[in-house]
Amino acid sequence: MPFDGEISDYAKPDVFSVEGLLAWLDTQDPATEYDYFDTDDCLLCRYGRARGLKVKWAGGNSIRIGRIRHEVFPENTFIACADPWTYGAAAQRCRDYLARVK
C-alpha cells in the first residue's frame, strides 16, 4: 500500500492497553465521574465508545464488541474499580501501575 501521508495511527497505543486508556484519560476532564457498576456506562465502556467501538460490558474484566468478548487488561480491577471514580483518579492509577511494571 503506498504511503498516504497519514502516520498518526502508528503512534497510538493499543486500545486494550493501560497506555491507551491513559492517553485517552489525559484528554478528558479529570473531574468527570463514572459509575464502575453501571454496566452500560462504566469507564471502560466510555473509553471503548470514544475509540469508535460498539462496546458493552460483558462481566469481570471483559467487554463485548458486537458478538466478540474481549478480555480487557487485567489491571482493570486496580484502575477502573478503585475509588474515587473520576477520570483524574483513574489516570493516576494508570500512571501508578505503569511505574510499578516498568
C-alpha atoms as a PDB file:
ATOM      1  CA  MET A   1       0.000   0.000   0.000  1.00  0.00           C
ATOM      2  CA  PRO A   2       1.509   3.364  -0.958  1.00  0.00           C
ATOM      3  CA  PHE A   3       2.236   5.902   1.740  1.00  0.00           C
ATOM      4  CA  ASP A   4      -0.771   8.215   2.037  1.00  0.00           C
ATOM      5  CA  GLY A   5       0.841  10.812   4.300  1.00  0.00           C
ATOM      6  CA  GLU A   6      -1.099   9.733   7.403  1.00  0.00           C
ATOM      7  CA  ILE A   7       1.072   8.340  10.173  1.00  0.00           C
ATOM      8  CA  SER A   8      -0.888   9.230  13.290  1.00  0.00           C
ATOM      9  CA  ASP A   9      -2.355   5.723  13.762  1.00  0.00           C
ATOM     10  CA  TYR A  10       1.106   4.208  14.007  1.00  0.00           C
ATOM     11  CA  ALA A  11       1.887   6.160  17.166  1.00  0.00           C
ATOM     12  CA  LYS A  12      -1.340   5.356  19.010  1.00  0.00           C
ATOM     13  CA  PRO A  13      -1.161   2.814  21.833  1.00  0.00           C
ATOM     14  CA  ASP A  14      -3.184  -0.376  21.610  1.00  0.00           C
ATOM     15  CA  VAL A  15      -6.841   0.251  22.503  1.00  0.00           C
ATOM     16  CA  PHE A  16      -6.783  -2.578  25.064  1.00  0.00           C
ATOM     17  CA  SER A  17      -3.675  -1.365  26.881  1.00  0.00           C
ATOM     18  CA  VAL A  18      -3.171   0.686  30.024  1.00  0.00           C
ATOM     19  CA  GLU A  19      -1.168   3.126  27.905  1.00  0.00           C
ATOM     20  CA  GLY A  20      -4.142   3.529  25.562  1.00  0.00           C
ATOM     21  CA  LEU A  21      -6.533   4.160  28.424  1.00  0.00           C
ATOM     22  CA  LEU A  22      -4.148   6.670  29.982  1.00  0.00           C
ATOM     23  CA  ALA A  23      -3.662   8.514  26.696  1.00  0.00           C
ATOM     24  CA  TRP A  24      -7.436   8.913  26.420  1.00  0.00           C
ATOM     25  CA  LEU A  25      -7.927   9.865  30.078  1.00  0.00           C
ATOM     26  CA  ASP A  26      -5.277  12.569  29.721  1.00  0.00           C
ATOM     27  CA  THR A  27      -7.502  14.276  27.131  1.00  0.00           C
ATOM     28  CA  GLN A  28     -10.578  14.246  29.384  1.00  0.00           C
ATOM     29  CA  ASP A  29     -11.776  16.471  32.226  1.00  0.00           C
ATOM     30  CA  PRO A  30     -10.230  14.871  35.342  1.00  0.00           C
ATOM     31  CA  ALA A  31     -13.280  15.819  37.430  1.00  0.00           C
ATOM     32  CA  THR A  32     -15.626  13.707  35.283  1.00  0.00           C
ATOM     33  CA  GLU A  33     -17.205  10.960  37.375  1.00  0.00           C
ATOM     34  CA  TYR A  34     -18.232   7.469  36.300  1.00  0.00           C
ATOM     35  CA  ASP A  35     -20.006   4.576  37.979  1.00  0.00           C
ATOM     36  CA  TYR A  36     -17.983   1.386  37.761  1.00  0.00           C
ATOM     37  CA  PHE A  37     -21.117  -0.691  38.360  1.00  0.00           C
ATOM     38  CA  ASP A  38     -23.105   0.917  35.521  1.00  0.00           C
ATOM     39  CA  THR A  39     -22.817  -1.936  33.059  1.00  0.00           C
ATOM     40  CA  ASP A  40     -23.631   0.262  30.072  1.00  0.00           C
ATOM     41  CA  ASP A  41     -21.671   3.385  31.003  1.00  0.00           C
ATOM     42  CA  CYS A  42     -18.660   2.327  33.088  1.00  0.00           C
ATOM     43  CA  LEU A  43     -15.213   3.789  32.472  1.00  0.00           C
ATOM     44  CA  LEU A  44     -14.183   1.028  30.070  1.00  0.00           C
ATOM     45  CA  CYS A  45     -17.406   1.255  28.064  1.00  0.00           C
ATOM     46  CA  ARG A  46     -16.987   5.014  27.723  1.00  0.00           C
ATOM     47  CA  TYR A  47     -13.383   4.541  26.679  1.00  0.00           C
ATOM     48  CA  GLY A  48     -14.250   1.898  24.098  1.00  0.00           C
ATOM     49  CA  ARG A  49     -17.011   4.027  22.594  1.00  0.00           C
ATOM     50  CA  ALA A  50     -14.668   7.023  22.458  1.00  0.00           C
ATOM     51  CA  ARG A  51     -12.300   4.843  20.422  1.00  0.00           C
ATOM     52  CA  GLY A  52     -15.135   4.127  17.980  1.00  0.00           C
ATOM     53  CA  LEU A  53     -16.142   0.686  19.250  1.00  0.00           C
ATOM     54  CA  LYS A  54     -19.689  -0.509  19.936  1.00  0.00           C
ATOM     55  CA  VAL A  55     -18.994  -1.642  23.465  1.00  0.00           C
ATOM     56  CA  LYS A  56     -20.997  -3.295  26.220  1.00  0.00           C
ATOM     57  CA  TRP A  57     -19.713  -4.683  29.489  1.00  0.00           C
ATOM     58  CA  ALA A  58     -19.585  -8.486  29.491  1.00  0.00           C
ATOM     59  CA  GLY A  59     -18.684  -9.155  33.118  1.00  0.00           C
ATOM     60  CA  GLY A  60     -15.442  -9.273  35.030  1.00  0.00           C
ATOM     61  CA  ASN A  61     -12.604  -7.747  33.049  1.00  0.00           C
ATOM     62  CA  SER A  62     -14.402  -8.242  29.747  1.00  0.00           C
ATOM     63  CA  ILE A  63     -16.181  -6.021  27.316  1.00  0.00           C
ATOM     64  CA  ARG A  64     -18.256  -7.148  24.373  1.00  0.00           C
ATOM     65  CA  ILE A  65     -17.746  -5.603  20.958  1.00  0.00           C
ATOM     66  CA  GLY A  66     -20.535  -6.891  18.780  1.00  0.00           C
ATOM     67  CA  ARG A  67     -20.663 -10.616  19.474  1.00  0.00           C
ATOM     68  CA  ILE A  68     -16.993 -10.918  20.400  1.00  0.00           C
ATOM     69  CA  ARG A  69     -15.938 -10.865  24.047  1.00  0.00           C
ATOM     70  CA  HIS A  70     -12.568  -9.248  24.778  1.00  0.00           C
ATOM     71  CA  GLU A  71     -10.609  -9.600  27.955  1.00  0.00           C
ATOM     72  CA  VAL A  72      -9.578  -6.097  28.888  1.00  0.00           C
ATOM     73  CA  PHE A  73      -6.242  -5.662  30.597  1.00  0.00           C
ATOM     74  CA  PRO A  74      -6.305  -7.450  33.974  1.00  0.00           C
ATOM     75  CA  GLU A  75      -5.242  -4.220  35.652  1.00  0.00           C
ATOM     76  CA  ASN A  76      -8.881  -3.112  35.259  1.00  0.00           C
ATOM     77  CA  THR A  77      -9.674  -4.003  38.864  1.00  0.00           C
ATOM     78  CA  PHE A  78      -6.981  -1.670  40.129  1.00  0.00           C
ATOM     79  CA  ILE A  79      -7.580   1.128  37.615  1.00  0.00           C
ATOM     80  CA  ALA A  80     -11.317   1.303  36.936  1.00  0.00           C
ATOM     81  CA  CYS A  81     -12.789  -0.240  40.077  1.00  0.00           C
ATOM     82  CA  ALA A  82     -10.887   1.567  42.838  1.00  0.00           C
ATOM     83  CA  ASP A  83     -12.311   4.701  44.463  1.00  0.00           C
ATOM     84  CA  PRO A  84     -12.681   7.522  43.639  1.00  0.00           C
ATOM     85  CA  TRP A  85     -14.449   7.013  40.324  1.00  0.00           C
ATOM     86  CA  THR A  86     -13.165  10.047  38.452  1.00  0.00           C
ATOM     87  CA  TYR A  87     -11.157  10.272  35.262  1.00  0.00           C
ATOM     88  CA  GLY A  88      -8.351  12.048  37.076  1.00  0.00           C
ATOM     89  CA  ALA A  89      -8.076   9.362  39.750  1.00  0.00           C
ATOM     90  CA  ALA A  90      -8.210   6.605  37.123  1.00  0.00           C
ATOM     91  CA  ALA A  91      -5.443   8.336  35.158  1.00  0.00           C
ATOM     92  CA  GLN A  92      -3.292   8.471  38.284  1.00  0.00           C
ATOM     93  CA  ARG A  93      -3.907   4.766  38.906  1.00  0.00           C
ATOM     94  CA  CYS A  94      -2.766   4.102  35.314  1.00  0.00           C
ATOM     95  CA  ARG A  95       0.425   6.061  35.978  1.00  0.00           C
ATOM     96  CA  ASP A  96       0.994   4.243  39.276  1.00  0.00           C
ATOM     97  CA  TYR A  97       0.542   0.862  37.597  1.00  0.00           C
ATOM     98  CA  LEU A  98       2.864   1.710  34.709  1.00  0.00           C
ATOM     99  CA  ALA A  99       5.528   2.972  37.122  1.00  0.00           C
ATOM    100  CA  ARG A 100       5.391  -0.348  39.009  1.00  0.00           C
ATOM    101  CA  VAL A 101       5.706  -2.575  35.946  1.00  0.00           C
ATOM    102  CA  LYS A 102       8.469  -0.701  34.145  1.00  0.00           C
END
